[in-house]
Amino acid sequence: MEASKPTKRKPKKQVFSVTKAVKANARERVGTPPAGRVIVDEKAKALSKPKHPPTLAQILTEEI
């Protein structure tokens, strides 16, 4: 038995996408869009439960 050499695979053929072409054209003309920003709602944040329960040290400092 001889060890066979691994064969190289052909790269996958690129399929033309109209959407990608239009977006690339728009980026060239206008530039990249600014990153989106999340608006934090303080009321909803205050109403939501904390992710972690308080530690023993936090409980003891609150009672004193």
N, C-alpha and C. Protein backbone atom coordinates (compact mmCIF):
# COMPACT_ATOMS: atom_id res chain seq x y z
N MET A 1 0.83 -1.18 0.00
CA MET A 1 0.00 0.00 0.00
C MET A 1 0.87 1.25 0.00
N GLU A 2 0.64 2.06 -0.95
CA GLU A 2 1.35 3.32 -1.02
C GLU A 2 0.47 4.42 -0.45
N ALA A 3 1.11 5.36 0.22
CA ALA A 3 0.36 6.49 0.77
C ALA A 3 0.01 7.44 -0.37
N SER A 4 -1.25 7.71 -0.51
CA SER A 4 -1.66 8.62 -1.58
C SER A 4 -1.47 10.06 -1.14
N LYS A 5 -1.10 10.89 -2.09
CA LYS A 5 -0.90 12.30 -1.80
C LYS A 5 -2.26 13.00 -1.76
N PRO A 6 -2.42 13.94 -0.84
CA PRO A 6 -3.70 14.66 -0.82
C PRO A 6 -3.81 15.55 -2.06
N THR A 7 -4.96 15.53 -2.67
CA THR A 7 -5.16 16.33 -3.87
C THR A 7 -5.71 17.70 -3.49
N LYS A 8 -5.32 18.69 -4.24
CA LYS A 8 -5.81 20.03 -3.98
C LYS A 8 -7.22 20.17 -4.56
N ARG A 9 -8.06 20.80 -3.80
CA ARG A 9 -9.41 21.03 -4.28
C ARG A 9 -9.44 22.31 -5.10
N LYS A 10 -10.34 22.33 -6.06
CA LYS A 10 -10.53 23.54 -6.84
C LYS A 10 -11.28 24.55 -5.98
N PRO A 11 -10.91 25.82 -6.05
CA PRO A 11 -11.69 26.80 -5.30
C PRO A 11 -13.11 26.88 -5.85
N LYS A 12 -14.06 27.12 -4.96
CA LYS A 12 -15.45 27.16 -5.37
C LYS A 12 -15.68 28.36 -6.28
N LYS A 13 -16.46 28.15 -7.32
CA LYS A 13 -16.74 29.19 -8.27
C LYS A 13 -17.60 30.28 -7.62
N GLN A 14 -17.22 31.54 -7.79
CA GLN A 14 -17.97 32.64 -7.20
C GLN A 14 -19.23 32.90 -8.00
N VAL A 15 -20.37 32.89 -7.32
CA VAL A 15 -21.65 33.15 -7.95
C VAL A 15 -21.92 34.64 -7.86
N PHE A 16 -22.33 35.26 -8.96
CA PHE A 16 -22.60 36.70 -8.97
C PHE A 16 -23.85 37.01 -8.17
N SER A 17 -23.74 37.97 -7.27
CA SER A 17 -24.86 38.40 -6.46
C SER A 17 -25.13 39.87 -6.75
N VAL A 18 -26.33 40.16 -7.22
CA VAL A 18 -26.68 41.54 -7.54
C VAL A 18 -26.68 42.39 -6.27
N THR A 19 -27.17 41.84 -5.18
CA THR A 19 -27.23 42.59 -3.92
C THR A 19 -25.85 43.02 -3.48
N LYS A 20 -24.89 42.10 -3.51
CA LYS A 20 -23.53 42.43 -3.09
C LYS A 20 -22.91 43.46 -4.01
N ALA A 21 -23.21 43.38 -5.30
CA ALA A 21 -22.66 44.34 -6.26
C ALA A 21 -23.22 45.74 -6.00
N VAL A 22 -24.52 45.82 -5.73
CA VAL A 22 -25.14 47.12 -5.47
C VAL A 22 -24.59 47.73 -4.19
N LYS A 23 -24.45 46.91 -3.14
CA LYS A 23 -23.92 47.42 -1.88
C LYS A 23 -22.47 47.88 -2.02
N ALA A 24 -21.68 47.13 -2.77
CA ALA A 24 -20.28 47.51 -2.98
C ALA A 24 -20.19 48.84 -3.73
N ASN A 25 -21.06 49.01 -4.73
CA ASN A 25 -21.09 50.26 -5.49
C ASN A 25 -21.48 51.42 -4.59
N ALA A 26 -22.47 51.22 -3.72
CA ALA A 26 -22.90 52.29 -2.82
C ALA A 26 -21.79 52.64 -1.83
N ARG A 27 -21.07 51.63 -1.35
CA ARG A 27 -19.97 51.91 -0.41
C ARG A 27 -18.87 52.72 -1.07
N GLU A 28 -18.61 52.45 -2.34
CA GLU A 28 -17.58 53.21 -3.06
C GLU A 28 -17.99 54.67 -3.20
N ARG A 29 -19.26 54.92 -3.48
CA ARG A 29 -19.73 56.28 -3.71
C ARG A 29 -19.94 57.07 -2.42
N VAL A 30 -20.60 56.46 -1.44
CA VAL A 30 -20.98 57.18 -0.23
C VAL A 30 -20.02 56.91 0.92
N GLY A 31 -19.51 55.72 1.01
CA GLY A 31 -18.67 55.33 2.13
C GLY A 31 -19.42 54.35 3.01
N THR A 32 -18.74 53.82 3.99
CA THR A 32 -19.38 52.84 4.85
C THR A 32 -20.36 53.53 5.79
N PRO A 33 -21.48 52.90 6.10
CA PRO A 33 -22.44 53.51 7.01
C PRO A 33 -21.90 53.51 8.44
N PRO A 34 -22.34 54.45 9.27
CA PRO A 34 -21.86 54.47 10.65
C PRO A 34 -22.41 53.26 11.42
N ALA A 35 -21.69 52.87 12.44
CA ALA A 35 -22.11 51.73 13.25
C ALA A 35 -23.38 52.09 14.02
N GLY A 36 -24.24 51.11 14.19
CA GLY A 36 -25.49 51.35 14.91
C GLY A 36 -25.22 51.52 16.40
N ARG A 37 -26.05 52.31 17.06
CA ARG A 37 -25.91 52.54 18.49
C ARG A 37 -27.17 52.08 19.20
N VAL A 38 -26.99 51.48 20.34
CA VAL A 38 -28.13 51.01 21.13
C VAL A 38 -28.52 52.11 22.10
N ILE A 39 -29.81 52.44 22.12
CA ILE A 39 -30.32 53.44 23.05
C ILE A 39 -30.78 52.68 24.29
N VAL A 40 -30.17 53.00 25.43
CA VAL A 40 -30.48 52.30 26.67
C VAL A 40 -31.68 52.96 27.32
N ASP A 41 -32.70 52.16 27.61
CA ASP A 41 -33.88 52.67 28.30
C ASP A 41 -33.65 52.47 29.80
N GLU A 42 -33.49 53.56 30.54
CA GLU A 42 -33.15 53.48 31.96
C GLU A 42 -34.29 52.86 32.77
N LYS A 43 -35.54 53.14 32.39
CA LYS A 43 -36.68 52.59 33.14
C LYS A 43 -36.72 51.07 33.01
N ALA A 44 -36.55 50.56 31.81
CA ALA A 44 -36.58 49.12 31.59
C ALA A 44 -35.41 48.45 32.28
N LYS A 45 -34.28 49.13 32.29
CA LYS A 45 -33.09 48.56 32.93
C LYS A 45 -33.30 48.48 34.44
N ALA A 46 -33.96 49.49 35.02
CA ALA A 46 -34.20 49.50 36.46
C ALA A 46 -35.21 48.43 36.85
N LEU A 47 -36.18 48.15 35.99
CA LEU A 47 -37.22 47.17 36.30
C LEU A 47 -36.74 45.73 36.15
N SER A 48 -35.75 45.51 35.31
CA SER A 48 -35.28 44.15 35.07
C SER A 48 -34.54 43.62 36.30
N LYS A 49 -34.60 42.32 36.47
CA LYS A 49 -33.93 41.70 37.61
C LYS A 49 -32.42 41.70 37.37
N PRO A 50 -31.64 41.76 38.45
CA PRO A 50 -30.18 41.68 38.26
C PRO A 50 -29.79 40.31 37.73
N LYS A 51 -28.72 40.25 36.98
CA LYS A 51 -28.28 39.01 36.37
C LYS A 51 -27.72 38.04 37.40
N HIS A 52 -27.10 38.57 38.46
CA HIS A 52 -26.47 37.73 39.46
C HIS A 52 -27.06 38.07 40.84
N PRO A 53 -27.22 37.08 41.68
CA PRO A 53 -27.70 37.38 43.03
C PRO A 53 -26.62 38.13 43.80
N PRO A 54 -27.01 38.91 44.79
CA PRO A 54 -26.00 39.66 45.55
C PRO A 54 -25.10 38.71 46.33
N THR A 55 -23.85 39.13 46.49
CA THR A 55 -22.90 38.31 47.23
C THR A 55 -23.12 38.49 48.73
N LEU A 56 -22.53 37.65 49.50
CA LEU A 56 -22.68 37.72 50.95
C LEU A 56 -22.15 39.05 51.48
N ALA A 57 -21.05 39.51 50.92
CA ALA A 57 -20.46 40.79 51.35
C ALA A 57 -21.42 41.94 51.04
N GLN A 58 -22.09 41.91 49.91
CA GLN A 58 -23.04 42.97 49.57
C GLN A 58 -24.23 42.95 50.51
N ILE A 59 -24.71 41.75 50.87
CA ILE A 59 -25.86 41.65 51.77
C ILE A 59 -25.49 42.18 53.15
N LEU A 60 -24.30 41.84 53.62
CA LEU A 60 -23.89 42.29 54.95
C LEU A 60 -23.67 43.80 55.02
N THR A 61 -23.15 44.39 53.93
CA THR A 61 -22.93 45.85 53.95
C THR A 61 -24.24 46.60 53.85
N GLU A 62 -25.26 46.04 53.24
CA GLU A 62 -26.56 46.72 53.14
C GLU A 62 -27.27 46.74 54.48
N GLU A 63 -27.12 45.68 55.27
CA GLU A 63 -27.83 45.59 56.54
C GLU A 63 -27.24 46.51 57.59
N ILE A 64 -25.97 46.82 57.50
CA ILE A 64 -25.31 47.66 58.53
C ILE A 64 -25.62 49.09 58.37
